[in-house]
Amino acid sequence: MPGKLIRRRREQLGLSQQEMAERLNMSQSTYSRIEQKDEDITIRQLKTIAEVLEIQLADLLPDELIIYNHVQKPVTQP
């Protein structure tokens, strides 16, 4: 998980962990574990985090997922 990126962006925006947790409707301890990579999160939660941080979801995803998502499926013949 992109905990360091999330933390860096939160700090750039001048938000505390408690403020982030409140915006994400979770406890501060849960949010802290996300930043420390000790908490599994869903894509939906990651999307919400990206929205709060005013960045794109793709900025928080590993490059492998982004590249894979753009690979086209082969065309099959009828």
N, C-alpha and C. Protein backbone atom coordinates (compact mmCIF):
# COMPACT_ATOMS: atom_id res chain seq x y z
N MET A 1 0.83 -1.19 0.00
CA MET A 1 0.00 0.00 0.00
C MET A 1 0.87 1.26 0.00
N PRO A 2 0.35 2.30 -0.51
CA PRO A 2 1.12 3.55 -0.68
C PRO A 2 1.11 4.45 0.56
N GLY A 3 1.40 3.89 1.71
CA GLY A 3 1.32 4.65 2.95
C GLY A 3 2.18 5.90 2.99
N LYS A 4 3.41 5.81 2.48
CA LYS A 4 4.30 6.97 2.51
C LYS A 4 3.76 8.10 1.63
N LEU A 5 3.23 7.76 0.47
CA LEU A 5 2.66 8.78 -0.42
C LEU A 5 1.44 9.43 0.22
N ILE A 6 0.60 8.61 0.84
CA ILE A 6 -0.59 9.15 1.52
C ILE A 6 -0.16 10.11 2.62
N ARG A 7 0.80 9.70 3.42
CA ARG A 7 1.27 10.56 4.51
C ARG A 7 1.87 11.87 3.99
N ARG A 8 2.72 11.75 2.98
CA ARG A 8 3.37 12.95 2.41
C ARG A 8 2.33 13.94 1.90
N ARG A 9 1.33 13.44 1.17
CA ARG A 9 0.30 14.32 0.61
C ARG A 9 -0.55 14.93 1.73
N ARG A 10 -0.89 14.13 2.73
CA ARG A 10 -1.67 14.65 3.87
C ARG A 10 -0.92 15.79 4.53
N GLU A 11 0.38 15.61 4.73
CA GLU A 11 1.18 16.65 5.35
C GLU A 11 1.27 17.89 4.47
N GLN A 12 1.36 17.71 3.14
CA GLN A 12 1.37 18.85 2.22
C GLN A 12 0.09 19.68 2.35
N LEU A 13 -1.01 18.99 2.61
CA LEU A 13 -2.29 19.68 2.75
C LEU A 13 -2.50 20.24 4.15
N GLY A 14 -1.56 19.95 5.06
CA GLY A 14 -1.65 20.48 6.42
C GLY A 14 -2.71 19.79 7.26
N LEU A 15 -3.01 18.53 6.94
CA LEU A 15 -4.02 17.78 7.68
C LEU A 15 -3.37 16.86 8.69
N SER A 16 -4.00 16.73 9.84
CA SER A 16 -3.53 15.78 10.85
C SER A 16 -4.12 14.41 10.54
N GLN A 17 -3.57 13.39 11.18
CA GLN A 17 -4.15 12.06 11.02
C GLN A 17 -5.59 12.04 11.51
N GLN A 18 -5.86 12.76 12.59
CA GLN A 18 -7.22 12.80 13.13
C GLN A 18 -8.19 13.45 12.12
N GLU A 19 -7.75 14.53 11.48
CA GLU A 19 -8.61 15.19 10.48
C GLU A 19 -8.88 14.25 9.30
N MET A 20 -7.85 13.54 8.85
CA MET A 20 -8.05 12.57 7.76
C MET A 20 -9.02 11.49 8.18
N ALA A 21 -8.83 10.96 9.37
CA ALA A 21 -9.70 9.90 9.87
C ALA A 21 -11.15 10.36 9.91
N GLU A 22 -11.38 11.57 10.37
CA GLU A 22 -12.75 12.10 10.42
C GLU A 22 -13.34 12.23 9.02
N ARG A 23 -12.57 12.72 8.07
CA ARG A 23 -13.05 12.86 6.69
C ARG A 23 -13.34 11.50 6.06
N LEU A 24 -12.62 10.47 6.51
CA LEU A 24 -12.78 9.13 5.96
C LEU A 24 -13.74 8.27 6.79
N ASN A 25 -14.27 8.86 7.86
CA ASN A 25 -15.22 8.16 8.72
C ASN A 25 -14.62 6.88 9.31
N MET A 26 -13.41 7.03 9.86
CA MET A 26 -12.75 5.90 10.52
C MET A 26 -12.00 6.42 11.73
N SER A 27 -11.55 5.51 12.57
CA SER A 27 -10.80 5.93 13.75
C SER A 27 -9.40 6.40 13.35
N GLN A 28 -8.81 7.22 14.20
CA GLN A 28 -7.45 7.70 13.95
C GLN A 28 -6.48 6.54 13.96
N SER A 29 -6.71 5.54 14.81
CA SER A 29 -5.79 4.40 14.88
C SER A 29 -5.85 3.57 13.59
N THR A 30 -7.03 3.42 13.02
CA THR A 30 -7.15 2.70 11.74
C THR A 30 -6.44 3.47 10.64
N TYR A 31 -6.66 4.78 10.61
CA TYR A 31 -5.99 5.59 9.59
C TYR A 31 -4.47 5.52 9.76
N SER A 32 -4.00 5.58 10.98
CA SER A 32 -2.56 5.49 11.24
C SER A 32 -1.99 4.18 10.70
N ARG A 33 -2.71 3.08 10.88
CA ARG A 33 -2.25 1.79 10.38
C ARG A 33 -2.20 1.77 8.85
N ILE A 34 -3.09 2.50 8.20
CA ILE A 34 -3.05 2.61 6.73
C ILE A 34 -1.74 3.26 6.31
N GLU A 35 -1.39 4.36 6.95
CA GLU A 35 -0.14 5.04 6.61
C GLU A 35 1.08 4.17 6.91
N GLN A 36 0.98 3.34 7.92
CA GLN A 36 2.10 2.47 8.30
C GLN A 36 2.09 1.15 7.54
N LYS A 37 1.14 0.97 6.63
CA LYS A 37 1.00 -0.24 5.82
C LYS A 37 0.62 -1.46 6.65
N ASP A 38 0.01 -1.23 7.80
CA ASP A 38 -0.40 -2.34 8.65
C ASP A 38 -1.89 -2.65 8.52
N GLU A 39 -2.57 -1.98 7.63
CA GLU A 39 -4.01 -2.13 7.50
C GLU A 39 -4.35 -2.37 6.03
N ASP A 40 -5.08 -3.43 5.77
CA ASP A 40 -5.56 -3.68 4.41
C ASP A 40 -6.74 -2.76 4.14
N ILE A 41 -6.78 -2.21 2.94
CA ILE A 41 -7.90 -1.35 2.58
C ILE A 41 -8.43 -1.77 1.22
N THR A 42 -9.67 -1.41 0.98
CA THR A 42 -10.31 -1.74 -0.29
C THR A 42 -10.01 -0.65 -1.32
N ILE A 43 -10.27 -0.98 -2.56
CA ILE A 43 -10.11 0.02 -3.62
C ILE A 43 -11.07 1.19 -3.38
N ARG A 44 -12.25 0.90 -2.90
CA ARG A 44 -13.22 1.98 -2.60
C ARG A 44 -12.64 2.93 -1.55
N GLN A 45 -12.03 2.38 -0.49
CA GLN A 45 -11.43 3.22 0.53
C GLN A 45 -10.25 4.01 -0.04
N LEU A 46 -9.46 3.36 -0.88
CA LEU A 46 -8.34 4.03 -1.51
C LEU A 46 -8.82 5.18 -2.40
N LYS A 47 -9.92 4.97 -3.09
CA LYS A 47 -10.51 6.02 -3.94
C LYS A 47 -10.95 7.20 -3.08
N THR A 48 -11.56 6.92 -1.94
CA THR A 48 -12.00 7.98 -1.04
C THR A 48 -10.80 8.75 -0.49
N ILE A 49 -9.74 8.03 -0.14
CA ILE A 49 -8.52 8.69 0.33
C ILE A 49 -7.97 9.61 -0.75
N ALA A 50 -7.93 9.13 -1.99
CA ALA A 50 -7.44 9.96 -3.10
C ALA A 50 -8.29 11.22 -3.25
N GLU A 51 -9.60 11.10 -3.11
CA GLU A 51 -10.48 12.27 -3.22
C GLU A 51 -10.18 13.28 -2.12
N VAL A 52 -10.02 12.80 -0.89
CA VAL A 52 -9.72 13.70 0.23
C VAL A 52 -8.37 14.38 0.02
N LEU A 53 -7.42 13.63 -0.54
CA LEU A 53 -6.08 14.18 -0.77
C LEU A 53 -5.98 14.98 -2.06
N GLU A 54 -7.10 15.05 -2.82
CA GLU A 54 -7.16 15.83 -4.06
C GLU A 54 -6.16 15.34 -5.10
N ILE A 55 -6.06 14.01 -5.21
CA ILE A 55 -5.21 13.39 -6.21
C ILE A 55 -6.01 12.30 -6.93
N GLN A 56 -5.45 11.76 -7.99
CA GLN A 56 -6.10 10.70 -8.74
C GLN A 56 -5.86 9.35 -8.06
N LEU A 57 -6.82 8.46 -8.16
CA LEU A 57 -6.67 7.12 -7.62
C LEU A 57 -5.42 6.45 -8.20
N ALA A 58 -5.17 6.66 -9.48
CA ALA A 58 -4.00 6.06 -10.14
C ALA A 58 -2.69 6.46 -9.46
N ASP A 59 -2.67 7.63 -8.82
CA ASP A 59 -1.46 8.06 -8.12
C ASP A 59 -1.14 7.17 -6.92
N LEU A 60 -2.14 6.44 -6.44
CA LEU A 60 -1.95 5.58 -5.27
C LEU A 60 -1.81 4.11 -5.62
N LEU A 61 -1.98 3.78 -6.90
CA LEU A 61 -1.91 2.38 -7.32
C LEU A 61 -0.51 2.02 -7.79
N PRO A 62 -0.11 0.78 -7.59
CA PRO A 62 1.19 0.35 -8.13
C PRO A 62 1.21 0.45 -9.64
N ASP A 63 2.37 0.75 -10.20
CA ASP A 63 2.51 0.89 -11.66
C ASP A 63 2.05 -0.35 -12.40
N GLU A 64 2.26 -1.53 -11.83
CA GLU A 64 1.88 -2.77 -12.51
C GLU A 64 0.38 -2.81 -12.78
N LEU A 65 -0.41 -2.32 -11.86
CA LEU A 65 -1.87 -2.32 -12.05
C LEU A 65 -2.27 -1.36 -13.15
N ILE A 66 -1.64 -0.21 -13.18
CA ILE A 66 -1.98 0.80 -14.18
C ILE A 66 -1.61 0.30 -15.58
N ILE A 67 -0.44 -0.27 -15.73
CA ILE A 67 -0.01 -0.80 -17.02
C ILE A 67 -0.94 -1.92 -17.45
N TYR A 68 -1.25 -2.83 -16.54
CA TYR A 68 -2.12 -3.96 -16.86
C TYR A 68 -3.49 -3.47 -17.31
N ASN A 69 -3.98 -2.46 -16.68
CA ASN A 69 -5.31 -1.93 -16.99
C ASN A 69 -5.38 -1.37 -18.41
N HIS A 70 -4.27 -0.93 -18.96
CA HIS A 70 -4.26 -0.32 -20.29
C HIS A 70 -3.93 -1.30 -21.40
N VAL A 71 -3.65 -2.54 -21.06
CA VAL A 71 -3.36 -3.55 -22.08
C VAL A 71 -4.68 -4.00 -22.68
N GLN A 72 -4.75 -3.96 -23.99
CA GLN A 72 -5.98 -4.35 -24.66
C GLN A 72 -6.06 -5.86 -24.78
N LYS A 73 -7.27 -6.37 -24.71
CA LYS A 73 -7.49 -7.80 -24.92
C LYS A 73 -7.35 -8.09 -26.40
N PRO A 74 -6.84 -9.28 -26.74
CA PRO A 74 -6.73 -9.62 -28.16
C PRO A 74 -8.10 -9.73 -28.79
N VAL A 75 -8.15 -9.36 -30.05
CA VAL A 75 -9.40 -9.47 -30.81
C VAL A 75 -9.58 -10.92 -31.24
N THR A 76 -10.74 -11.45 -30.99
CA THR A 76 -11.01 -12.82 -31.41
C THR A 76 -11.83 -12.83 -32.70
N GLN A 77 -11.57 -13.80 -33.53
CA GLN A 77 -12.31 -13.93 -34.78
C GLN A 77 -13.60 -14.71 -34.53
N PRO A 78 -14.68 -14.36 -35.22
CA PRO A 78 -15.95 -15.09 -35.03
C PRO A 78 -15.91 -16.49 -35.59
